[in-house]
N, C-alpha and C. Protein backbone atom coordinates (compact mmCIF):
# COMPACT_ATOMS: atom_id res chain seq x y z
N MET A 1 -9.31 -5.35 19.41
CA MET A 1 -7.95 -6.00 18.90
C MET A 1 -7.31 -4.98 18.16
N GLU A 2 -5.94 -4.71 18.62
CA GLU A 2 -5.13 -3.86 17.88
C GLU A 2 -4.42 -4.42 16.71
N LYS A 3 -4.50 -3.58 15.57
CA LYS A 3 -3.87 -4.06 14.41
C LYS A 3 -2.54 -3.56 14.41
N SER A 4 -1.47 -4.43 13.96
CA SER A 4 -0.14 -4.05 13.93
C SER A 4 0.37 -3.84 12.41
N CYS A 5 1.28 -3.01 12.32
CA CYS A 5 1.78 -2.56 10.94
C CYS A 5 2.43 -3.88 10.21
N TYR A 6 2.06 -4.27 9.08
CA TYR A 6 2.56 -5.26 8.20
C TYR A 6 4.02 -4.94 8.07
N PHE A 7 4.42 -3.84 7.70
CA PHE A 7 5.82 -3.54 7.32
C PHE A 7 6.71 -3.56 8.43
N CYS A 8 6.28 -3.07 9.62
CA CYS A 8 7.00 -3.18 10.82
C CYS A 8 7.31 -4.54 11.35
N GLN A 9 6.18 -5.46 11.17
CA GLN A 9 6.31 -6.77 11.56
C GLN A 9 7.34 -7.47 10.62
N GLU A 10 7.27 -7.39 9.38
CA GLU A 10 8.14 -7.98 8.34
C GLU A 10 9.52 -7.27 8.31
N ASN A 11 9.76 -6.32 9.04
CA ASN A 11 10.84 -5.49 9.08
C ASN A 11 11.37 -5.06 7.60
N ILE A 12 10.35 -4.50 6.89
CA ILE A 12 10.55 -3.95 5.49
C ILE A 12 10.84 -2.38 5.67
N GLN A 13 12.01 -2.02 5.32
CA GLN A 13 12.42 -0.60 5.42
C GLN A 13 11.94 0.15 4.30
N GLN A 14 12.06 -0.26 3.13
CA GLN A 14 11.78 0.48 1.95
C GLN A 14 10.55 -0.38 1.20
N ILE A 15 9.56 0.44 0.82
CA ILE A 15 8.43 -0.18 0.13
C ILE A 15 8.68 -0.04 -1.34
N ASP A 16 8.73 -1.19 -2.10
CA ASP A 16 9.15 -1.11 -3.51
C ASP A 16 7.95 -0.97 -4.45
N PHE A 17 7.87 0.04 -5.22
CA PHE A 17 6.78 0.28 -6.15
C PHE A 17 6.66 -0.80 -7.14
N LYS A 18 7.64 -1.50 -7.46
CA LYS A 18 7.67 -2.65 -8.43
C LYS A 18 6.92 -3.88 -7.85
N ASP A 19 6.75 -3.98 -6.55
CA ASP A 19 6.16 -5.26 -5.93
C ASP A 19 4.67 -4.98 -6.00
N THR A 20 4.02 -5.24 -7.04
CA THR A 20 2.58 -4.89 -7.25
C THR A 20 1.78 -5.85 -6.43
N ALA A 21 2.27 -7.06 -6.16
CA ALA A 21 1.49 -8.06 -5.43
C ALA A 21 1.18 -7.57 -3.99
N THR A 22 2.16 -7.02 -3.41
CA THR A 22 2.00 -6.49 -2.01
C THR A 22 1.19 -5.20 -2.08
N LEU A 23 1.47 -4.30 -2.89
CA LEU A 23 0.66 -3.12 -3.10
C LEU A 23 -0.84 -3.32 -3.12
N ARG A 24 -1.16 -4.38 -4.09
CA ARG A 24 -2.60 -4.62 -4.33
C ARG A 24 -3.38 -5.00 -3.05
N ASN A 25 -2.69 -5.50 -2.01
CA ASN A 25 -3.32 -5.90 -0.72
C ASN A 25 -3.87 -4.62 -0.09
N PHE A 26 -3.30 -3.41 -0.40
CA PHE A 26 -3.68 -2.20 0.25
C PHE A 26 -4.60 -1.31 -0.66
N LEU A 27 -5.12 -1.89 -1.68
CA LEU A 27 -6.10 -1.25 -2.49
C LEU A 27 -7.57 -1.77 -2.28
N SER A 28 -8.51 -0.85 -2.40
CA SER A 28 -9.88 -1.34 -2.33
C SER A 28 -10.21 -2.03 -3.58
N GLY A 29 -11.51 -2.52 -3.64
CA GLY A 29 -12.00 -3.08 -4.92
C GLY A 29 -12.14 -2.03 -5.96
N GLN A 30 -12.32 -0.74 -5.63
CA GLN A 30 -12.49 0.30 -6.67
C GLN A 30 -11.06 0.73 -7.10
N GLY A 31 -10.05 0.27 -6.47
CA GLY A 31 -8.68 0.77 -6.86
C GLY A 31 -8.25 2.05 -5.94
N LYS A 32 -8.92 2.20 -4.85
CA LYS A 32 -8.59 3.40 -3.99
C LYS A 32 -7.63 2.81 -2.87
N ILE A 33 -6.74 3.72 -2.49
CA ILE A 33 -5.76 3.40 -1.36
C ILE A 33 -6.55 3.24 -0.08
N LEU A 34 -6.52 2.07 0.65
CA LEU A 34 -7.23 1.83 2.00
C LEU A 34 -6.64 2.75 3.09
N PRO A 35 -7.49 3.20 4.00
CA PRO A 35 -7.01 4.04 5.00
C PRO A 35 -6.34 3.16 6.16
N PRO A 36 -5.42 3.71 6.93
CA PRO A 36 -4.61 2.99 7.88
C PRO A 36 -5.53 2.33 9.03
N ARG A 37 -6.65 2.90 9.28
CA ARG A 37 -7.64 2.35 10.25
C ARG A 37 -8.15 1.05 9.72
N ARG A 38 -8.12 0.78 8.43
CA ARG A 38 -8.67 -0.42 7.85
C ARG A 38 -7.48 -1.49 7.76
N THR A 39 -6.28 -1.03 7.42
CA THR A 39 -5.27 -1.98 7.19
C THR A 39 -4.38 -2.16 8.40
N GLY A 40 -4.22 -1.26 9.20
CA GLY A 40 -3.44 -1.35 10.42
C GLY A 40 -2.06 -0.88 10.22
N VAL A 41 -1.76 -0.11 9.12
CA VAL A 41 -0.38 0.24 8.72
C VAL A 41 -0.06 1.58 9.65
N CYS A 42 1.21 1.67 10.13
CA CYS A 42 1.53 2.86 10.85
C CYS A 42 1.69 4.15 10.02
N ARG A 43 1.79 5.25 10.58
CA ARG A 43 1.69 6.45 9.96
C ARG A 43 2.89 6.57 8.90
N LYS A 44 4.12 6.10 9.32
CA LYS A 44 5.26 6.23 8.63
C LYS A 44 5.17 5.38 7.37
N HIS A 45 4.84 4.15 7.43
CA HIS A 45 4.62 3.25 6.32
C HIS A 45 3.30 3.55 5.62
N GLN A 46 2.36 4.17 6.00
CA GLN A 46 1.21 4.68 5.25
C GLN A 46 1.62 5.60 4.15
N ARG A 47 2.42 6.51 4.66
CA ARG A 47 2.87 7.69 3.80
C ARG A 47 3.68 7.04 2.73
N ALA A 48 4.67 6.13 2.95
CA ALA A 48 5.54 5.36 2.07
C ALA A 48 4.68 4.68 1.19
N LEU A 49 3.69 3.94 1.56
CA LEU A 49 2.82 3.07 0.89
C LEU A 49 2.15 3.79 -0.16
N ALA A 50 1.43 4.97 0.21
CA ALA A 50 0.66 5.82 -0.68
C ALA A 50 1.73 6.35 -1.76
N GLN A 51 2.89 6.68 -1.42
CA GLN A 51 3.84 7.23 -2.45
C GLN A 51 4.20 6.12 -3.50
N ALA A 52 4.39 4.90 -2.96
CA ALA A 52 4.85 3.77 -3.94
C ALA A 52 3.54 3.37 -4.75
N ILE A 53 2.28 3.44 -4.26
CA ILE A 53 1.17 3.11 -5.04
C ILE A 53 1.11 4.14 -6.24
N LYS A 54 1.30 5.44 -5.70
CA LYS A 54 1.20 6.55 -6.80
C LYS A 54 2.26 6.39 -7.97
N ARG A 55 3.52 5.90 -7.45
CA ARG A 55 4.53 5.77 -8.32
C ARG A 55 4.27 4.64 -9.39
N ALA A 56 3.66 3.52 -8.72
CA ALA A 56 3.30 2.25 -9.66
C ALA A 56 2.22 2.63 -10.65
N ARG A 57 1.34 3.52 -10.19
CA ARG A 57 0.24 3.97 -11.03
C ARG A 57 0.87 4.84 -12.27
N ALA A 58 1.79 5.71 -11.90
CA ALA A 58 2.39 6.51 -13.02
C ALA A 58 3.31 5.76 -13.95
N MET A 59 3.83 4.62 -13.50
CA MET A 59 4.65 3.81 -14.31
C MET A 59 3.82 2.70 -14.95
N ALA A 60 2.54 2.78 -14.79
CA ALA A 60 1.45 1.87 -15.40
C ALA A 60 1.68 0.40 -14.84
N LEU A 61 2.22 0.22 -13.75
CA LEU A 61 2.24 -1.18 -13.06
C LEU A 61 0.89 -1.49 -12.34
N LEU A 62 0.20 -0.49 -11.92
CA LEU A 62 -1.07 -0.61 -11.27
C LEU A 62 -2.01 0.37 -12.09
N SER A 63 -3.33 -0.14 -12.06
CA SER A 63 -4.28 0.80 -12.75
C SER A 63 -4.84 1.76 -11.76
N PHE A 64 -5.31 2.87 -12.25
CA PHE A 64 -5.97 3.90 -11.42
C PHE A 64 -7.32 3.47 -10.94
N VAL A 65 -8.00 2.68 -11.70
CA VAL A 65 -9.25 2.19 -11.36
C VAL A 65 -9.49 0.66 -11.64
N SER A 66 -10.40 0.10 -11.00
CA SER A 66 -10.58 -1.42 -11.42
C SER A 66 -11.62 -1.42 -12.56
N ARG A 67 -11.68 -2.69 -13.12
CA ARG A 67 -12.64 -2.79 -14.27
C ARG A 67 -13.88 -3.32 -13.89
């Protein structure tokens, strides 16, 4: 079964780093960014997703590790 990109399906052009609810879906239990083979996100959106997660961490919206 082929996974399709969540952001392409929802027609989301910009991934907002302030939308922490969406970003948390792409983090593992330890707080790591999940790989695209696990989430089904395309290359273009995986790069933007990683950048948004890193920005949210730097702005203290997301934690670097889980508790």
